[in-house]
Amino acid sequence: MVQHAAEADGAAQRRVLAYWTPGRMAAAEPVEPSGGFGNLLPPERRRQATASGVGLAHATAGARWTMASGRRPAAPGTIAATTGRVFLTMNGRDFVCSAVSIRAANRDLVLTAGHCVKDGTGDWARNWTFVPGYDSGRRPYGTYTARRAFVTTGWSRHGDDDEDVAMVAVNPHGGRHLADVVGAQPIGFNPPRGRQTYAFGFPAYPPYNGEHLMYCAGPLHADPNRQTRGQGLRCDLTAGASGGPWLSGFDPVTGHGTVTSVSSFKYSNDRHTMYGPYFGDAIRRLHAVAERS
């Protein structure tokens, strides 16, 4: 496990919050993993076959998330409140990713992809912020700056796609912990493989624009290229969805489930399948340290 201290004092937090003007947020680009054998490439421009409803067994086209009733939730603790966009600066450029609030002893923990926090073996992100419940530029629950970031040794030293996971302890906003404001999804480790899963995020390349929470749903399958121990999901979400949560046992009525992976990469010759790392013991150990920071 490797950790990085971010903006802990008040002056540094104010500087980061001031940095993210509406103009900078709108201009930020989706993160794409550097190196490796796959990344979240933008799909060819084509007409989208929009998925409809919830609980689809083999959804590939991303659908905009609404509750089963068709109304977006007002109460915290649902997927729409706990999931949000990440804004960060890496190597002098501004980027966006997706992330989710997860249960932790410190009540301030955000889960995302490793490449949304640290450029593999390269630099750590700067100006890192999480906006839960983001929708069309609105920030209904405020903006949370990073206090301390965590990745595995495998990601930091080798850019290992099996460990493309990061956890970020954020500073309280308005004197309140993140989980006390928006709720938190439970995280699970060593889950059964091949389960029905919902993947959420804010894809920003066409046909999407990054302004709305989108999702795919379907069963998971092993990596047919045998390059990773992760699992794949038929899903057309594009870059910007990186770091978005994958939930098993998800209930579309309540908006709750158990987070068992995050969106990580796509192979360049298969833009219809998203891959996420398997949450085994390495990710369990990462959580055990991060949740008490």
C-alpha atoms as a PDB file:
ATOM      1  CA  MET A   1       0.000   0.000   0.000  1.00  0.00           C
ATOM      2  CA  VAL A   2       1.276   3.470  -0.950  1.00  0.00           C
ATOM      3  CA  GLN A   3      -0.218   6.703   0.344  1.00  0.00           C
ATOM      4  CA  HIS A   4       0.016  10.372  -0.497  1.00  0.00           C
ATOM      5  CA  ALA A   5      -0.837  13.401   1.646  1.00  0.00           C
ATOM      6  CA  ALA A   6      -3.011  15.933  -0.151  1.00  0.00           C
ATOM      7  CA  GLU A   7      -4.726  19.159   0.981  1.00  0.00           C
ATOM      8  CA  ALA A   8      -5.179  18.906   4.741  1.00  0.00           C
ATOM      9  CA  ASP A   9      -5.020  22.537   5.890  1.00  0.00           C
ATOM     10  CA  GLY A  10      -7.735  25.116   5.304  1.00  0.00           C
ATOM     11  CA  ALA A  11      -5.725  27.354   2.972  1.00  0.00           C
ATOM     12  CA  ALA A  12      -4.873  24.443   0.658  1.00  0.00           C
ATOM     13  CA  GLN A  13      -8.490  23.308   0.583  1.00  0.00           C
ATOM     14  CA  ARG A  14      -9.695  26.790  -0.313  1.00  0.00           C
ATOM     15  CA  ARG A  15      -7.122  26.988  -3.103  1.00  0.00           C
ATOM     16  CA  VAL A  16      -8.359  23.729  -4.636  1.00  0.00           C
ATOM     17  CA  LEU A  17     -12.018  24.739  -4.362  1.00  0.00           C
ATOM     18  CA  ALA A  18     -11.250  28.086  -5.991  1.00  0.00           C
ATOM     19  CA  TYR A  19      -9.342  26.335  -8.779  1.00  0.00           C
ATOM     20  CA  TRP A  20     -12.400  24.444  -9.992  1.00  0.00           C
ATOM     21  CA  THR A  21     -14.359  27.197 -11.637  1.00  0.00           C
ATOM     22  CA  PRO A  22     -17.348  26.174 -13.790  1.00  0.00           C
ATOM     23  CA  GLY A  23     -15.200  26.855 -16.848  1.00  0.00           C
ATOM     24  CA  ARG A  24     -12.395  24.542 -15.733  1.00  0.00           C
ATOM     25  CA  MET A  25     -14.848  21.817 -14.783  1.00  0.00           C
ATOM     26  CA  ALA A  26     -16.519  22.010 -18.187  1.00  0.00           C
ATOM     27  CA  ALA A  27     -13.173  21.885 -20.000  1.00  0.00           C
ATOM     28  CA  ALA A  28     -11.702  18.949 -18.052  1.00  0.00           C
ATOM     29  CA  GLU A  29     -11.031  15.853 -20.164  1.00  0.00           C
ATOM     30  CA  PRO A  30     -11.737  12.198 -19.338  1.00  0.00           C
ATOM     31  CA  VAL A  31      -8.798  10.284 -17.904  1.00  0.00           C
ATOM     32  CA  GLU A  32      -7.466   7.399 -19.946  1.00  0.00           C
ATOM     33  CA  PRO A  33      -5.043   4.905 -18.403  1.00  0.00           C
ATOM     34  CA  SER A  34      -1.468   5.355 -19.576  1.00  0.00           C
ATOM     35  CA  GLY A  35       0.510   2.407 -20.870  1.00  0.00           C
ATOM     36  CA  GLY A  36      -0.691  -1.169 -20.449  1.00  0.00           C
ATOM     37  CA  PHE A  37      -2.680  -3.077 -23.014  1.00  0.00           C
ATOM     38  CA  GLY A  38      -6.066  -1.421 -22.898  1.00  0.00           C
ATOM     39  CA  ASN A  39      -7.818   1.833 -22.161  1.00  0.00           C
ATOM     40  CA  LEU A  40     -11.172   3.554 -22.269  1.00  0.00           C
ATOM     41  CA  LEU A  41     -11.095   4.683 -25.871  1.00  0.00           C
ATOM     42  CA  PRO A  42     -13.960   6.752 -27.301  1.00  0.00           C
ATOM     43  CA  PRO A  43     -16.246   4.570 -29.428  1.00  0.00           C
ATOM     44  CA  GLU A  44     -16.865   5.377 -33.072  1.00  0.00           C
ATOM     45  CA  ARG A  45     -19.616   7.898 -33.566  1.00  0.00           C
ATOM     46  CA  ARG A  46     -22.776   5.915 -34.154  1.00  0.00           C
ATOM     47  CA  ARG A  47     -26.424   5.930 -33.230  1.00  0.00           C
ATOM     48  CA  GLN A  48     -26.948   4.792 -29.671  1.00  0.00           C
ATOM     49  CA  ALA A  49     -29.322   1.917 -29.012  1.00  0.00           C
ATOM     50  CA  THR A  50     -30.610   3.245 -25.717  1.00  0.00           C
ATOM     51  CA  ALA A  51     -31.344   0.749 -22.994  1.00  0.00           C
ATOM     52  CA  SER A  52     -34.608   1.316 -21.159  1.00  0.00           C
ATOM     53  CA  GLY A  53     -35.901   0.274 -17.782  1.00  0.00           C
ATOM     54  CA  VAL A  54     -33.894  -1.385 -15.030  1.00  0.00           C
ATOM     55  CA  GLY A  55     -32.767  -4.928 -14.320  1.00  0.00           C
ATOM     56  CA  LEU A  56     -31.717  -5.632 -17.919  1.00  0.00           C
ATOM     57  CA  ALA A  57     -29.885  -8.935 -18.264  1.00  0.00           C
ATOM     58  CA  HIS A  58     -27.630  -7.947 -21.156  1.00  0.00           C
ATOM     59  CA  ALA A  59     -27.602  -4.165 -21.441  1.00  0.00           C
ATOM     60  CA  THR A  60     -24.688  -2.868 -23.520  1.00  0.00           C
ATOM     61  CA  ALA A  61     -25.732   0.702 -24.294  1.00  0.00           C
ATOM     62  CA  GLY A  62     -25.592   2.984 -21.293  1.00  0.00           C
ATOM     63  CA  ALA A  63     -28.907   4.246 -19.981  1.00  0.00           C
ATOM     64  CA  ARG A  64     -29.435   7.348 -17.877  1.00  0.00           C
ATOM     65  CA  TRP A  65     -30.084   6.348 -14.286  1.00  0.00           C
ATOM     66  CA  THR A  66     -33.466   6.999 -12.730  1.00  0.00           C
ATOM     67  CA  MET A  67     -35.067   5.206  -9.834  1.00  0.00           C
ATOM     68  CA  ALA A  68     -37.572   2.485 -10.648  1.00  0.00           C
ATOM     69  CA  SER A  69     -40.332   5.012 -10.065  1.00  0.00           C
ATOM     70  CA  GLY A  70     -38.828   7.246 -12.740  1.00  0.00           C
ATOM     71  CA  ARG A  71     -37.983   9.950 -10.201  1.00  0.00           C
ATOM     72  CA  ARG A  72     -34.469  10.859  -9.125  1.00  0.00           C
ATOM     73  CA  PRO A  73     -34.057  10.367  -5.377  1.00  0.00           C
ATOM     74  CA  ALA A  74     -34.057  13.274  -2.981  1.00  0.00           C
ATOM     75  CA  ALA A  75     -32.888  11.220   0.019  1.00  0.00           C
ATOM     76  CA  PRO A  76     -29.176  10.539   0.527  1.00  0.00           C
ATOM     77  CA  GLY A  77     -27.785   7.027   0.588  1.00  0.00           C
ATOM     78  CA  THR A  78     -28.980   6.041  -2.900  1.00  0.00           C
ATOM     79  CA  ILE A  79     -26.685   5.378  -5.849  1.00  0.00           C
ATOM     80  CA  ALA A  80     -27.451   8.815  -7.317  1.00  0.00           C
ATOM     81  CA  ALA A  81     -26.281  10.558  -4.128  1.00  0.00           C
ATOM     82  CA  THR A  82     -23.252   8.394  -3.347  1.00  0.00           C
ATOM     83  CA  THR A  83     -21.872   8.361  -6.912  1.00  0.00           C
ATOM     84  CA  GLY A  84     -20.265  11.472  -8.339  1.00  0.00           C
ATOM     85  CA  ARG A  85     -17.640  13.015 -10.555  1.00  0.00           C
ATOM     86  CA  VAL A  86     -13.974  13.480  -9.733  1.00  0.00           C
ATOM     87  CA  PHE A  87     -12.030  16.505 -10.982  1.00  0.00           C
ATOM     88  CA  LEU A  88      -8.236  16.389 -10.900  1.00  0.00           C
ATOM     89  CA  THR A  89      -5.048  17.760 -12.427  1.00  0.00           C
ATOM     90  CA  MET A  90      -2.432  15.320 -13.737  1.00  0.00           C
ATOM     91  CA  ASN A  91       0.783  16.312 -15.504  1.00  0.00           C
ATOM     92  CA  GLY A  92      -0.492  19.852 -15.968  1.00  0.00           C
ATOM     93  CA  ARG A  93      -3.859  18.887 -17.511  1.00  0.00           C
ATOM     94  CA  ASP A  94      -7.336  18.846 -15.984  1.00  0.00           C
ATOM     95  CA  PHE A  95      -9.278  15.589 -16.049  1.00  0.00           C
ATOM     96  CA  VAL A  96     -12.537  13.964 -14.910  1.00  0.00           C
ATOM     97  CA  CYS A  97     -13.362  10.509 -13.561  1.00  0.00           C
ATOM     98  CA  SER A  98     -16.171   8.866 -11.586  1.00  0.00           C
ATOM     99  CA  ALA A  99     -16.203   7.631  -7.986  1.00  0.00           C
ATOM    100  CA  VAL A 100     -18.427   6.528  -5.094  1.00  0.00           C
ATOM    101  CA  SER A 101     -18.706   7.056  -1.345  1.00  0.00           C
ATOM    102  CA  ILE A 102     -18.079   3.762   0.474  1.00  0.00           C
ATOM    103  CA  ARG A 103     -18.542   2.639   4.065  1.00  0.00           C
ATOM    104  CA  ALA A 104     -15.509   3.289   6.246  1.00  0.00           C
ATOM    105  CA  ALA A 105     -14.638   3.895   9.866  1.00  0.00           C
ATOM    106  CA  ASN A 106     -13.635   7.489   9.081  1.00  0.00           C
ATOM    107  CA  ARG A 107     -16.949   8.179   7.215  1.00  0.00           C
ATOM    108  CA  ASP A 108     -14.952  10.074   4.580  1.00  0.00           C
ATOM    109  CA  LEU A 109     -13.789   7.464   2.049  1.00  0.00           C
ATOM    110  CA  VAL A 110     -14.170   7.632  -1.737  1.00  0.00           C
ATOM    111  CA  LEU A 111     -13.451   4.707  -4.080  1.00  0.00           C
ATOM    112  CA  THR A 112     -12.290   5.171  -7.671  1.00  0.00           C
ATOM    113  CA  ALA A 113      -9.817   3.762 -10.215  1.00  0.00           C
ATOM    114  CA  GLY A 114      -6.106   3.932  -9.518  1.00  0.00           C
ATOM    115  CA  HIS A 115      -5.475   5.887 -12.719  1.00  0.00           C
ATOM    116  CA  CYS A 116      -7.874   8.570 -11.453  1.00  0.00           C
ATOM    117  CA  VAL A 117      -5.528   9.260  -8.525  1.00  0.00           C
ATOM    118  CA  LYS A 118      -2.018   8.297  -9.634  1.00  0.00           C
ATOM    119  CA  ASP A 119      -0.614   7.950 -13.142  1.00  0.00           C
ATOM    120  CA  GLY A 120       0.557   4.374 -12.589  1.00  0.00           C
ATOM    121  CA  THR A 121       4.274   4.577 -11.829  1.00  0.00           C
ATOM    122  CA  GLY A 122       4.151   8.337 -12.469  1.00  0.00           C
ATOM    123  CA  ASP A 123       2.812  11.344 -10.604  1.00  0.00           C
ATOM    124  CA  TRP A 124       0.000  11.703  -8.104  1.00  0.00           C
ATOM    125  CA  ALA A 125      -2.984  13.847  -9.061  1.00  0.00           C
ATOM    126  CA  ARG A 126      -3.308  17.407  -7.796  1.00  0.00           C
ATOM    127  CA  ASN A 127      -6.438  19.517  -7.152  1.00  0.00           C
ATOM    128  CA  TRP A 128      -8.368  16.284  -6.518  1.00  0.00           C
ATOM    129  CA  THR A 129     -12.038  16.820  -5.667  1.00  0.00           C
ATOM    130  CA  PHE A 130     -15.173  14.673  -5.444  1.00  0.00           C
ATOM    131  CA  VAL A 131     -18.649  16.006  -6.318  1.00  0.00           C
ATOM    132  CA  PRO A 132     -21.289  13.503  -5.118  1.00  0.00           C
ATOM    133  CA  GLY A 133     -24.687  13.626  -6.774  1.00  0.00           C
ATOM    134  CA  TYR A 134     -23.346  15.637  -9.724  1.00  0.00           C
ATOM    135  CA  ASP A 135     -25.889  16.341 -12.465  1.00  0.00           C
ATOM    136  CA  SER A 136     -25.653  18.900 -15.276  1.00  0.00           C
ATOM    137  CA  GLY A 137     -23.155  21.026 -13.378  1.00  0.00           C
ATOM    138  CA  ARG A 138     -25.139  20.979 -10.140  1.00  0.00           C
ATOM    139  CA  ARG A 139     -23.344  20.091  -6.900  1.00  0.00           C
ATOM    140  CA  PRO A 140     -26.232  19.350  -4.520  1.00  0.00           C
ATOM    141  CA  TYR A 141     -24.057  18.002  -1.692  1.00  0.00           C
ATOM    142  CA  GLY A 142     -21.021  20.226  -2.119  1.00  0.00           C
ATOM    143  CA  THR A 143     -17.444  19.529  -3.189  1.00  0.00           C
ATOM    144  CA  TYR A 144     -14.995  17.431  -1.166  1.00  0.00           C
ATOM    145  CA  THR A 145     -11.225  17.891  -1.385  1.00  0.00           C
ATOM    146  CA  ALA A 146      -8.714  15.093  -0.868  1.00  0.00           C
ATOM    147  CA  ARG A 147      -6.967  14.675   2.481  1.00  0.00           C
ATOM    148  CA  ARG A 148      -4.983  11.491   1.804  1.00  0.00           C
ATOM    149  CA  ALA A 149      -4.892   9.110  -1.161  1.00  0.00           C
ATOM    150  CA  PHE A 150      -4.111   5.380  -1.231  1.00  0.00           C
ATOM    151  CA  VAL A 151      -3.189   2.904  -3.977  1.00  0.00           C
ATOM    152  CA  THR A 152      -1.685  -0.576  -3.898  1.00  0.00           C
ATOM    153  CA  THR A 153       2.011  -1.211  -4.370  1.00  0.00           C
ATOM    154  CA  GLY A 154       1.138  -3.124  -7.547  1.00  0.00           C
ATOM    155  CA  TRP A 155      -0.446  -0.042  -9.086  1.00  0.00           C
ATOM    156  CA  SER A 156       2.194   2.416  -7.880  1.00  0.00           C
ATOM    157  CA  ARG A 157       5.216   0.355  -8.930  1.00  0.00           C
ATOM    158  CA  HIS A 158       3.948  -1.535 -11.965  1.00  0.00           C
ATOM    159  CA  GLY A 159       0.668   0.035 -13.166  1.00  0.00           C
ATOM    160  CA  ASP A 160      -0.899  -3.402 -12.626  1.00  0.00           C
ATOM    161  CA  ASP A 161      -4.415  -3.387 -14.109  1.00  0.00           C
ATOM    162  CA  ASP A 162      -5.465  -6.032 -11.570  1.00  0.00           C
ATOM    163  CA  GLU A 163      -4.935  -3.359  -8.910  1.00  0.00           C
ATOM    164  CA  ASP A 164      -6.255  -0.293 -10.755  1.00  0.00           C
ATOM    165  CA  VAL A 165      -8.033   0.852  -7.582  1.00  0.00           C
ATOM    166  CA  ALA A 166      -7.641   3.905  -5.355  1.00  0.00           C
ATOM    167  CA  MET A 167      -9.248   5.137  -2.162  1.00  0.00           C
ATOM    168  CA  VAL A 168      -9.236   8.765  -1.115  1.00  0.00           C
ATOM    169  CA  ALA A 169     -10.004  10.103   2.344  1.00  0.00           C
ATOM    170  CA  VAL A 170     -11.672  13.467   1.822  1.00  0.00           C
ATOM    171  CA  ASN A 171     -11.932  16.499   4.060  1.00  0.00           C
ATOM    172  CA  PRO A 172     -15.289  17.231   5.707  1.00  0.00           C
ATOM    173  CA  HIS A 173     -17.490  19.759   3.921  1.00  0.00           C
ATOM    174  CA  GLY A 174     -19.250  22.351   6.043  1.00  0.00           C
ATOM    175  CA  GLY A 175     -18.068  20.484   9.137  1.00  0.00           C
ATOM    176  CA  ARG A 176     -19.810  17.242   8.117  1.00  0.00           C
ATOM    177  CA  HIS A 177     -18.378  13.898   7.034  1.00  0.00           C
ATOM    178  CA  LEU A 178     -19.150  12.720   3.497  1.00  0.00           C
ATOM    179  CA  ALA A 179     -21.045   9.590   4.583  1.00  0.00           C
ATOM    180  CA  ASP A 180     -23.167  11.625   7.000  1.00  0.00           C
ATOM    181  CA  VAL A 181     -24.290  13.826   4.106  1.00  0.00           C
ATOM    182  CA  VAL A 182     -24.784  11.437   1.170  1.00  0.00           C
ATOM    183  CA  GLY A 183     -24.582   7.973   2.719  1.00  0.00           C
ATOM    184  CA  ALA A 184     -22.129   5.248   1.688  1.00  0.00           C
ATOM    185  CA  GLN A 185     -22.329   1.997  -0.248  1.00  0.00           C
ATOM    186  CA  PRO A 186     -20.869  -1.137   1.391  1.00  0.00           C
ATOM    187  CA  ILE A 187     -17.794  -2.668  -0.230  1.00  0.00           C
ATOM    188  CA  GLY A 188     -17.323  -6.407  -0.687  1.00  0.00           C
ATOM    189  CA  PHE A 189     -14.221  -8.562  -1.169  1.00  0.00           C
ATOM    190  CA  ASN A 190     -13.617 -11.950  -2.826  1.00  0.00           C
ATOM    191  CA  PRO A 191     -17.153 -12.055  -4.297  1.00  0.00           C
ATOM    192  CA  PRO A 192     -18.468 -14.940  -6.408  1.00  0.00           C
ATOM    193  CA  ARG A 193     -17.562 -14.465 -10.056  1.00  0.00           C
ATOM    194  CA  GLY A 194     -19.989 -14.058 -12.937  1.00  0.00           C
ATOM    195  CA  ARG A 195     -22.697 -12.288 -10.959  1.00  0.00           C
ATOM    196  CA  GLN A 196     -25.300  -9.876 -12.312  1.00  0.00           C
ATOM    197  CA  THR A 197     -23.770  -6.430 -11.869  1.00  0.00           C
ATOM    198  CA  TYR A 198     -24.680  -2.771 -12.350  1.00  0.00           C
ATOM    199  CA  ALA A 199     -21.921  -0.371 -13.441  1.00  0.00           C
ATOM    200  CA  PHE A 200     -22.373   3.378 -12.910  1.00  0.00           C
ATOM    201  CA  GLY A 201     -20.435   6.412 -14.043  1.00  0.00           C
ATOM    202  CA  PHE A 202     -20.282   9.678 -15.934  1.00  0.00           C
ATOM    203  CA  PRO A 203     -19.057   8.828 -19.468  1.00  0.00           C
ATOM    204  CA  ALA A 204     -17.888  11.944 -21.278  1.00  0.00           C
ATOM    205  CA  TYR A 205     -16.993  10.875 -24.829  1.00  0.00           C
ATOM    206  CA  PRO A 206     -19.781  10.712 -27.477  1.00  0.00           C
ATOM    207  CA  PRO A 207     -22.526   9.670 -27.474  1.00  0.00           C
ATOM    208  CA  TYR A 208     -22.354  10.855 -23.842  1.00  0.00           C
ATOM    209  CA  ASN A 209     -21.439  14.244 -22.399  1.00  0.00           C
ATOM    210  CA  GLY A 210     -20.432  13.517 -18.800  1.00  0.00           C
ATOM    211  CA  GLU A 211     -23.281  15.517 -17.305  1.00  0.00           C
ATOM    212  CA  HIS A 212     -25.527  12.660 -16.157  1.00  0.00           C
ATOM    213  CA  LEU A 213     -25.201   9.432 -14.197  1.00  0.00           C
ATOM    214  CA  MET A 214     -25.389   6.501 -16.618  1.00  0.00           C
ATOM    215  CA  TYR A 215     -25.388   2.747 -16.068  1.00  0.00           C
ATOM    216  CA  CYS A 216     -25.074  -0.666 -17.692  1.00  0.00           C
ATOM    217  CA  ALA A 217     -26.254  -3.981 -16.276  1.00  0.00           C
ATOM    218  CA  GLY A 218     -25.499  -7.600 -17.031  1.00  0.00           C
ATOM    219  CA  PRO A 219     -23.565 -10.710 -15.983  1.00  0.00           C
ATOM    220  CA  LEU A 220     -19.795 -10.602 -15.621  1.00  0.00           C
ATOM    221  CA  HIS A 221     -17.360 -12.859 -17.459  1.00  0.00           C
ATOM    222  CA  ALA A 222     -13.649 -13.637 -17.244  1.00  0.00           C
ATOM    223  CA  ASP A 223     -11.075 -11.742 -19.317  1.00  0.00           C
ATOM    224  CA  PRO A 224     -10.953 -13.785 -22.554  1.00  0.00           C
ATOM    225  CA  ASN A 225      -7.439 -12.474 -23.269  1.00  0.00           C
ATOM    226  CA  ARG A 226      -6.238 -13.841 -19.918  1.00  0.00           C
ATOM    227  CA  GLN A 227      -4.259 -10.670 -19.346  1.00  0.00           C
ATOM    228  CA  THR A 228      -5.931  -9.874 -16.027  1.00  0.00           C
ATOM    229  CA  ARG A 229      -7.799 -11.571 -13.196  1.00  0.00           C
ATOM    230  CA  GLY A 230     -10.577  -9.005 -13.595  1.00  0.00           C
ATOM    231  CA  GLN A 231     -14.022  -9.444 -15.104  1.00  0.00           C
ATOM    232  CA  GLY A 232     -15.772  -7.938 -18.099  1.00  0.00           C
ATOM    233  CA  LEU A 233     -19.231  -6.437 -18.566  1.00  0.00           C
ATOM    234  CA  ARG A 234     -20.881  -5.719 -21.909  1.00  0.00           C
ATOM    235  CA  CYS A 235     -21.114  -1.941 -21.655  1.00  0.00           C
ATOM    236  CA  ASP A 236     -20.695   1.031 -23.986  1.00  0.00           C
ATOM    237  CA  LEU A 237     -19.871   3.622 -21.314  1.00  0.00           C
ATOM    238  CA  THR A 238     -16.889   5.689 -22.450  1.00  0.00           C
ATOM    239  CA  ALA A 239     -13.939   7.462 -20.815  1.00  0.00           C
ATOM    240  CA  GLY A 240     -15.057   9.593 -17.901  1.00  0.00           C
ATOM    241  CA  ALA A 241     -16.804   6.540 -16.441  1.00  0.00           C
ATOM    242  CA  SER A 242     -13.388   5.389 -15.159  1.00  0.00           C
ATOM    243  CA  GLY A 243     -13.569   4.711 -11.432  1.00  0.00           C
ATOM    244  CA  GLY A 244     -17.342   4.408 -11.394  1.00  0.00           C
ATOM    245  CA  PRO A 245     -18.679   1.698  -9.048  1.00  0.00           C
ATOM    246  CA  TRP A 246     -19.788  -1.816  -9.977  1.00  0.00           C
ATOM    247  CA  LEU A 247     -22.448  -3.136  -7.615  1.00  0.00           C
ATOM    248  CA  SER A 248     -23.702  -6.671  -7.085  1.00  0.00           C
ATOM    249  CA  GLY A 249     -26.923  -7.443  -5.250  1.00  0.00           C
ATOM    250  CA  PHE A 250     -28.130  -4.060  -6.470  1.00  0.00           C
ATOM    251  CA  ASP A 251     -31.735  -3.062  -5.738  1.00  0.00           C
ATOM    252  CA  PRO A 252     -33.072  -0.584  -8.329  1.00  0.00           C
ATOM    253  CA  VAL A 253     -35.857   0.456  -5.950  1.00  0.00           C
ATOM    254  CA  THR A 254     -33.623   1.528  -3.064  1.00  0.00           C
ATOM    255  CA  GLY A 255     -30.490   2.357  -5.063  1.00  0.00           C
ATOM    256  CA  HIS A 256     -28.329   0.230  -2.766  1.00  0.00           C
ATOM    257  CA  GLY A 257     -25.927  -2.622  -3.473  1.00  0.00           C
ATOM    258  CA  THR A 258     -22.434  -3.849  -2.646  1.00  0.00           C
ATOM    259  CA  VAL A 259     -19.465  -2.369  -4.503  1.00  0.00           C
ATOM    260  CA  THR A 260     -17.285  -5.179  -5.873  1.00  0.00           C
ATOM    261  CA  SER A 261     -15.276  -3.419  -8.627  1.00  0.00           C
ATOM    262  CA  VAL A 262     -14.778  -0.174 -10.550  1.00  0.00           C
ATOM    263  CA  SER A 263     -14.598   0.646 -14.259  1.00  0.00           C
ATOM    264  CA  SER A 264     -10.965   0.305 -15.303  1.00  0.00           C
ATOM    265  CA  PHE A 265     -10.242  -0.294 -19.006  1.00  0.00           C
ATOM    266  CA  LYS A 266     -11.345  -1.543 -22.410  1.00  0.00           C
ATOM    267  CA  TYR A 267      -9.333  -3.429 -25.000  1.00  0.00           C
ATOM    268  CA  SER A 268      -8.840  -1.333 -28.128  1.00  0.00           C
ATOM    269  CA  ASN A 269     -10.268  -4.140 -30.287  1.00  0.00           C
ATOM    270  CA  ASP A 270     -13.401  -4.536 -28.145  1.00  0.00           C
ATOM    271  CA  ARG A 271     -15.016  -1.233 -27.294  1.00  0.00           C
ATOM    272  CA  HIS A 272     -18.244  -2.870 -26.130  1.00  0.00           C
ATOM    273  CA  THR A 273     -16.826  -4.521 -23.010  1.00  0.00           C
ATOM    274  CA  MET A 274     -15.712  -2.745 -19.840  1.00  0.00           C
ATOM    275  CA  TYR A 275     -13.305  -4.470 -17.464  1.00  0.00           C
ATOM    276  CA  GLY A 276     -12.959  -4.038 -13.740  1.00  0.00           C
ATOM    277  CA  PRO A 277     -10.455  -5.463 -11.240  1.00  0.00           C
ATOM    278  CA  TYR A 278     -11.478  -8.312  -8.950  1.00  0.00           C
ATOM    279  CA  PHE A 279     -11.654  -7.109  -5.339  1.00  0.00           C
ATOM    280  CA  GLY A 280      -9.470  -9.701  -3.635  1.00  0.00           C
ATOM    281  CA  ASP A 281      -7.207  -9.552  -0.604  1.00  0.00           C
ATOM    282  CA  ALA A 282      -5.008  -6.726  -1.917  1.00  0.00           C
ATOM    283  CA  ILE A 283      -8.022  -4.409  -2.176  1.00  0.00           C
ATOM    284  CA  ARG A 284      -9.307  -5.588   1.202  1.00  0.00           C
ATOM    285  CA  ARG A 285      -5.981  -4.610   2.784  1.00  0.00           C
ATOM    286  CA  LEU A 286      -6.069  -1.253   1.002  1.00  0.00           C
ATOM    287  CA  HIS A 287      -9.494  -0.542   2.469  1.00  0.00           C
ATOM    288  CA  ALA A 288      -8.411  -1.608   5.969  1.00  0.00           C
ATOM    289  CA  VAL A 289      -5.697   1.060   5.969  1.00  0.00           C
ATOM    290  CA  ALA A 290      -7.569   3.811   4.097  1.00  0.00           C
ATOM    291  CA  GLU A 291     -10.715   3.653   6.223  1.00  0.00           C
ATOM    292  CA  ARG A 292      -8.762   4.560   9.375  1.00  0.00           C
ATOM    293  CA  SER A 293      -6.783   7.450   7.919  1.00  0.00           C
END
